[in-house]
Amino acid sequence: MTIQPVPRKTLRLVIHGRVQGVYFRDSMRREAQRLGIAGWVRNRSDGTVEAAVQGESADVDAIVRWAHRGPEYAHVERVEIEPDEGSYSNFEVIG
């Protein structure tokens, strides 16, 4: 009997609203580590935050729900979500 690997879900998120200068990236890194999510998060020059998230489907869904709220001082207006590719081993703040 062979053990099938758990399929990993990978998404790209673009978070719009008041999401820079409110500790969004570091808060997302902490939440990702708590959930066992790999990937990255960064600020973009247009004022949005972009992230790639990868992990088990339920955990990815949980961080997407978190991204719709963000940390305490954020005001998330909308989150664009699309499938993504890549292979990540940890979660980091880049840029």
N, C-alpha and C. Protein backbone atom coordinates (compact mmCIF):
# COMPACT_ATOMS: atom_id res chain seq x y z
N MET A 1 0.84 -1.18 0.00
CA MET A 1 0.00 0.00 0.00
C MET A 1 0.89 1.24 0.00
N THR A 2 0.67 2.13 -0.95
CA THR A 2 1.44 3.37 -1.00
C THR A 2 0.62 4.50 -0.39
N ILE A 3 1.30 5.36 0.29
CA ILE A 3 0.65 6.51 0.91
C ILE A 3 0.68 7.66 -0.09
N GLN A 4 -0.49 8.18 -0.40
CA GLN A 4 -0.57 9.31 -1.33
C GLN A 4 -0.23 10.60 -0.59
N PRO A 5 0.58 11.45 -1.20
CA PRO A 5 0.86 12.73 -0.54
C PRO A 5 -0.41 13.58 -0.48
N VAL A 6 -0.51 14.37 0.56
CA VAL A 6 -1.65 15.27 0.69
C VAL A 6 -1.50 16.35 -0.37
N PRO A 7 -2.53 16.53 -1.20
CA PRO A 7 -2.41 17.56 -2.23
C PRO A 7 -2.29 18.94 -1.60
N ARG A 8 -1.40 19.74 -2.16
CA ARG A 8 -1.20 21.09 -1.65
C ARG A 8 -1.91 22.08 -2.56
N LYS A 9 -2.55 23.03 -1.93
CA LYS A 9 -3.28 24.07 -2.65
C LYS A 9 -2.40 25.32 -2.64
N THR A 10 -2.26 25.97 -3.79
CA THR A 10 -1.45 27.17 -3.90
C THR A 10 -2.28 28.28 -4.53
N LEU A 11 -2.35 29.41 -3.85
CA LEU A 11 -3.11 30.56 -4.34
C LEU A 11 -2.25 31.81 -4.30
N ARG A 12 -2.58 32.76 -5.18
CA ARG A 12 -2.00 34.10 -5.15
C ARG A 12 -3.10 35.05 -4.71
N LEU A 13 -2.79 35.89 -3.73
CA LEU A 13 -3.75 36.85 -3.19
C LEU A 13 -3.24 38.26 -3.43
N VAL A 14 -4.15 39.16 -3.77
CA VAL A 14 -3.85 40.59 -3.78
C VAL A 14 -4.90 41.24 -2.88
N ILE A 15 -4.43 41.86 -1.80
CA ILE A 15 -5.31 42.41 -0.78
C ILE A 15 -5.36 43.92 -0.94
N HIS A 16 -6.57 44.44 -1.09
CA HIS A 16 -6.79 45.87 -1.31
C HIS A 16 -7.39 46.51 -0.06
N GLY A 17 -7.10 47.78 0.15
CA GLY A 17 -7.64 48.53 1.27
C GLY A 17 -6.52 49.21 2.04
N ARG A 18 -6.78 49.50 3.32
CA ARG A 18 -5.71 50.05 4.17
C ARG A 18 -4.94 48.85 4.73
N VAL A 19 -3.94 48.43 3.97
CA VAL A 19 -3.24 47.19 4.30
C VAL A 19 -1.72 47.37 4.40
N GLN A 20 -1.25 48.60 4.17
CA GLN A 20 0.17 48.89 4.37
C GLN A 20 0.30 49.82 5.57
N GLY A 21 1.35 49.63 6.35
CA GLY A 21 1.56 50.44 7.54
C GLY A 21 0.71 50.01 8.73
N VAL A 22 0.15 48.81 8.66
CA VAL A 22 -0.71 48.30 9.75
C VAL A 22 -0.24 46.92 10.21
N TYR A 23 1.03 46.59 9.93
CA TYR A 23 1.63 45.30 10.32
C TYR A 23 0.95 44.11 9.63
N PHE A 24 0.43 44.35 8.42
CA PHE A 24 -0.26 43.27 7.70
C PHE A 24 0.70 42.14 7.39
N ARG A 25 1.87 42.47 6.83
CA ARG A 25 2.80 41.42 6.39
C ARG A 25 3.28 40.56 7.55
N ASP A 26 3.72 41.19 8.63
CA ASP A 26 4.23 40.42 9.76
C ASP A 26 3.10 39.63 10.43
N SER A 27 1.92 40.22 10.51
CA SER A 27 0.78 39.49 11.08
C SER A 27 0.41 38.28 10.22
N MET A 28 0.49 38.45 8.89
CA MET A 28 0.18 37.33 8.01
C MET A 28 1.24 36.25 8.14
N ARG A 29 2.50 36.64 8.30
CA ARG A 29 3.58 35.66 8.50
C ARG A 29 3.32 34.83 9.76
N ARG A 30 2.95 35.50 10.83
CA ARG A 30 2.67 34.77 12.08
C ARG A 30 1.48 33.83 11.92
N GLU A 31 0.43 34.29 11.25
CA GLU A 31 -0.75 33.44 11.05
C GLU A 31 -0.41 32.25 10.15
N ALA A 32 0.39 32.50 9.11
CA ALA A 32 0.80 31.42 8.21
C ALA A 32 1.61 30.37 8.97
N GLN A 33 2.52 30.81 9.82
CA GLN A 33 3.32 29.87 10.59
C GLN A 33 2.44 29.07 11.54
N ARG A 34 1.45 29.72 12.14
CA ARG A 34 0.53 29.02 13.04
C ARG A 34 -0.25 27.93 12.30
N LEU A 35 -0.62 28.22 11.05
CA LEU A 35 -1.42 27.28 10.25
C LEU A 35 -0.57 26.26 9.48
N GLY A 36 0.75 26.45 9.44
CA GLY A 36 1.60 25.56 8.65
C GLY A 36 1.57 25.88 7.17
N ILE A 37 1.36 27.15 6.85
CA ILE A 37 1.30 27.61 5.46
C ILE A 37 2.69 28.06 5.01
N ALA A 38 3.05 27.74 3.79
CA ALA A 38 4.30 28.20 3.18
C ALA A 38 3.96 29.26 2.14
N GLY A 39 4.98 30.05 1.77
CA GLY A 39 4.79 31.06 0.73
C GLY A 39 5.48 32.35 1.10
N TRP A 40 4.89 33.47 0.69
CA TRP A 40 5.51 34.78 0.94
C TRP A 40 4.45 35.87 0.92
N VAL A 41 4.82 37.03 1.44
CA VAL A 41 3.95 38.21 1.41
C VAL A 41 4.83 39.44 1.19
N ARG A 42 4.31 40.42 0.44
CA ARG A 42 5.06 41.65 0.19
C ARG A 42 4.11 42.81 -0.07
N ASN A 43 4.62 44.03 0.18
CA ASN A 43 3.91 45.23 -0.20
C ASN A 43 4.15 45.48 -1.68
N ARG A 44 3.13 46.04 -2.35
CA ARG A 44 3.30 46.44 -3.75
C ARG A 44 3.25 47.96 -3.82
N SER A 45 3.84 48.50 -4.88
CA SER A 45 3.94 49.96 -5.00
C SER A 45 2.58 50.63 -5.15
N ASP A 46 1.54 49.88 -5.53
CA ASP A 46 0.20 50.47 -5.70
C ASP A 46 -0.59 50.52 -4.39
N GLY A 47 0.04 50.15 -3.26
CA GLY A 47 -0.64 50.22 -1.98
C GLY A 47 -1.31 48.93 -1.55
N THR A 48 -1.28 47.92 -2.41
CA THR A 48 -1.85 46.62 -2.05
C THR A 48 -0.79 45.74 -1.42
N VAL A 49 -1.24 44.61 -0.88
CA VAL A 49 -0.34 43.58 -0.38
C VAL A 49 -0.58 42.33 -1.22
N GLU A 50 0.50 41.69 -1.65
CA GLU A 50 0.42 40.47 -2.47
C GLU A 50 1.01 39.32 -1.68
N ALA A 51 0.40 38.15 -1.81
CA ALA A 51 0.90 36.98 -1.10
C ALA A 51 0.71 35.74 -1.95
N ALA A 52 1.61 34.78 -1.77
CA ALA A 52 1.44 33.42 -2.29
C ALA A 52 1.32 32.53 -1.07
N VAL A 53 0.27 31.71 -1.04
CA VAL A 53 0.04 30.83 0.11
C VAL A 53 -0.10 29.40 -0.38
N GLN A 54 0.53 28.46 0.34
CA GLN A 54 0.53 27.06 -0.08
C GLN A 54 0.45 26.17 1.15
N GLY A 55 -0.41 25.16 1.05
CA GLY A 55 -0.53 24.21 2.14
C GLY A 55 -1.72 23.30 1.90
N GLU A 56 -2.13 22.61 2.96
CA GLU A 56 -3.32 21.78 2.86
C GLU A 56 -4.52 22.68 2.62
N SER A 57 -5.49 22.17 1.87
CA SER A 57 -6.62 22.98 1.43
C SER A 57 -7.32 23.71 2.57
N ALA A 58 -7.62 23.03 3.67
CA ALA A 58 -8.33 23.67 4.79
C ALA A 58 -7.50 24.78 5.41
N ASP A 59 -6.18 24.61 5.47
CA ASP A 59 -5.31 25.63 6.04
C ASP A 59 -5.22 26.85 5.12
N VAL A 60 -5.14 26.60 3.81
CA VAL A 60 -5.12 27.71 2.84
C VAL A 60 -6.44 28.47 2.92
N ASP A 61 -7.55 27.75 3.01
CA ASP A 61 -8.85 28.41 3.14
C ASP A 61 -8.88 29.28 4.40
N ALA A 62 -8.27 28.79 5.49
CA ALA A 62 -8.25 29.54 6.74
C ALA A 62 -7.45 30.83 6.61
N ILE A 63 -6.32 30.79 5.92
CA ILE A 63 -5.53 32.02 5.79
C ILE A 63 -6.20 32.99 4.82
N VAL A 64 -6.93 32.47 3.84
CA VAL A 64 -7.69 33.36 2.94
C VAL A 64 -8.78 34.08 3.75
N ARG A 65 -9.46 33.36 4.64
CA ARG A 65 -10.45 34.02 5.51
C ARG A 65 -9.78 35.08 6.37
N TRP A 66 -8.59 34.77 6.91
CA TRP A 66 -7.86 35.74 7.71
C TRP A 66 -7.51 36.97 6.87
N ALA A 67 -7.09 36.76 5.62
CA ALA A 67 -6.69 37.88 4.75
C ALA A 67 -7.86 38.83 4.48
N HIS A 68 -9.08 38.33 4.52
CA HIS A 68 -10.25 39.19 4.34
C HIS A 68 -10.46 40.12 5.54
N ARG A 69 -9.88 39.79 6.68
CA ARG A 69 -9.97 40.64 7.89
C ARG A 69 -8.67 41.39 8.12
N GLY A 70 -7.55 40.65 8.09
CA GLY A 70 -6.24 41.23 8.38
C GLY A 70 -6.06 41.51 9.85
N PRO A 71 -4.96 42.17 10.19
CA PRO A 71 -4.70 42.51 11.59
C PRO A 71 -5.62 43.65 12.06
N GLU A 72 -5.49 43.98 13.33
CA GLU A 72 -6.42 44.90 13.99
C GLU A 72 -6.65 46.22 13.25
N TYR A 73 -5.59 46.88 12.78
CA TYR A 73 -5.73 48.22 12.21
C TYR A 73 -5.93 48.24 10.70
N ALA A 74 -5.97 47.08 10.09
CA ALA A 74 -6.20 47.01 8.64
C ALA A 74 -7.67 47.23 8.33
N HIS A 75 -7.91 47.70 7.12
CA HIS A 75 -9.28 47.79 6.61
C HIS A 75 -9.25 47.18 5.21
N VAL A 76 -9.61 45.90 5.13
CA VAL A 76 -9.55 45.17 3.86
C VAL A 76 -10.83 45.45 3.08
N GLU A 77 -10.65 45.96 1.85
CA GLU A 77 -11.79 46.24 0.98
C GLU A 77 -12.15 45.03 0.13
N ARG A 78 -11.12 44.39 -0.42
CA ARG A 78 -11.38 43.18 -1.21
C ARG A 78 -10.08 42.39 -1.36
N VAL A 79 -10.25 41.09 -1.67
CA VAL A 79 -9.11 40.20 -1.89
C VAL A 79 -9.30 39.52 -3.23
N GLU A 80 -8.35 39.75 -4.14
CA GLU A 80 -8.34 39.02 -5.41
C GLU A 80 -7.64 37.69 -5.17
N ILE A 81 -8.23 36.61 -5.68
CA ILE A 81 -7.69 35.27 -5.45
C ILE A 81 -7.58 34.56 -6.79
N GLU A 82 -6.43 33.98 -7.05
CA GLU A 82 -6.28 33.16 -8.26
C GLU A 82 -5.34 32.00 -7.96
N PRO A 83 -5.51 30.90 -8.70
CA PRO A 83 -4.60 29.75 -8.52
C PRO A 83 -3.18 30.17 -8.86
N ASP A 84 -2.23 29.54 -8.22
CA ASP A 84 -0.82 29.86 -8.45
C ASP A 84 -0.02 28.57 -8.45
N GLU A 85 1.22 28.67 -8.86
CA GLU A 85 2.12 27.53 -8.86
C GLU A 85 3.37 27.91 -8.09
N GLY A 86 4.16 26.93 -7.77
CA GLY A 86 5.40 27.16 -7.04
C GLY A 86 5.52 26.15 -5.93
N SER A 87 6.68 26.11 -5.34
CA SER A 87 6.94 25.20 -4.23
C SER A 87 7.67 25.98 -3.15
N TYR A 88 7.07 26.04 -1.99
CA TYR A 88 7.60 26.83 -0.89
C TYR A 88 7.83 25.93 0.32
N SER A 89 8.87 26.24 1.08
CA SER A 89 9.16 25.42 2.26
C SER A 89 8.89 26.16 3.56
N ASN A 90 8.81 27.50 3.50
CA ASN A 90 8.49 28.29 4.68
C ASN A 90 7.72 29.53 4.25
N PHE A 91 7.40 30.39 5.19
CA PHE A 91 6.66 31.61 4.85
C PHE A 91 7.52 32.79 5.23
N GLU A 92 7.69 33.73 4.29
CA GLU A 92 8.56 34.86 4.57
C GLU A 92 7.98 36.16 4.04
N VAL A 93 8.39 37.23 4.68
CA VAL A 93 8.08 38.58 4.22
C VAL A 93 9.19 38.95 3.25
N ILE A 94 8.82 39.38 2.04
CA ILE A 94 9.83 39.78 1.05
C ILE A 94 9.58 41.22 0.64
N GLY A 95 10.59 41.83 0.08
CA GLY A 95 10.46 43.19 -0.44
C GLY A 95 10.29 44.27 0.56
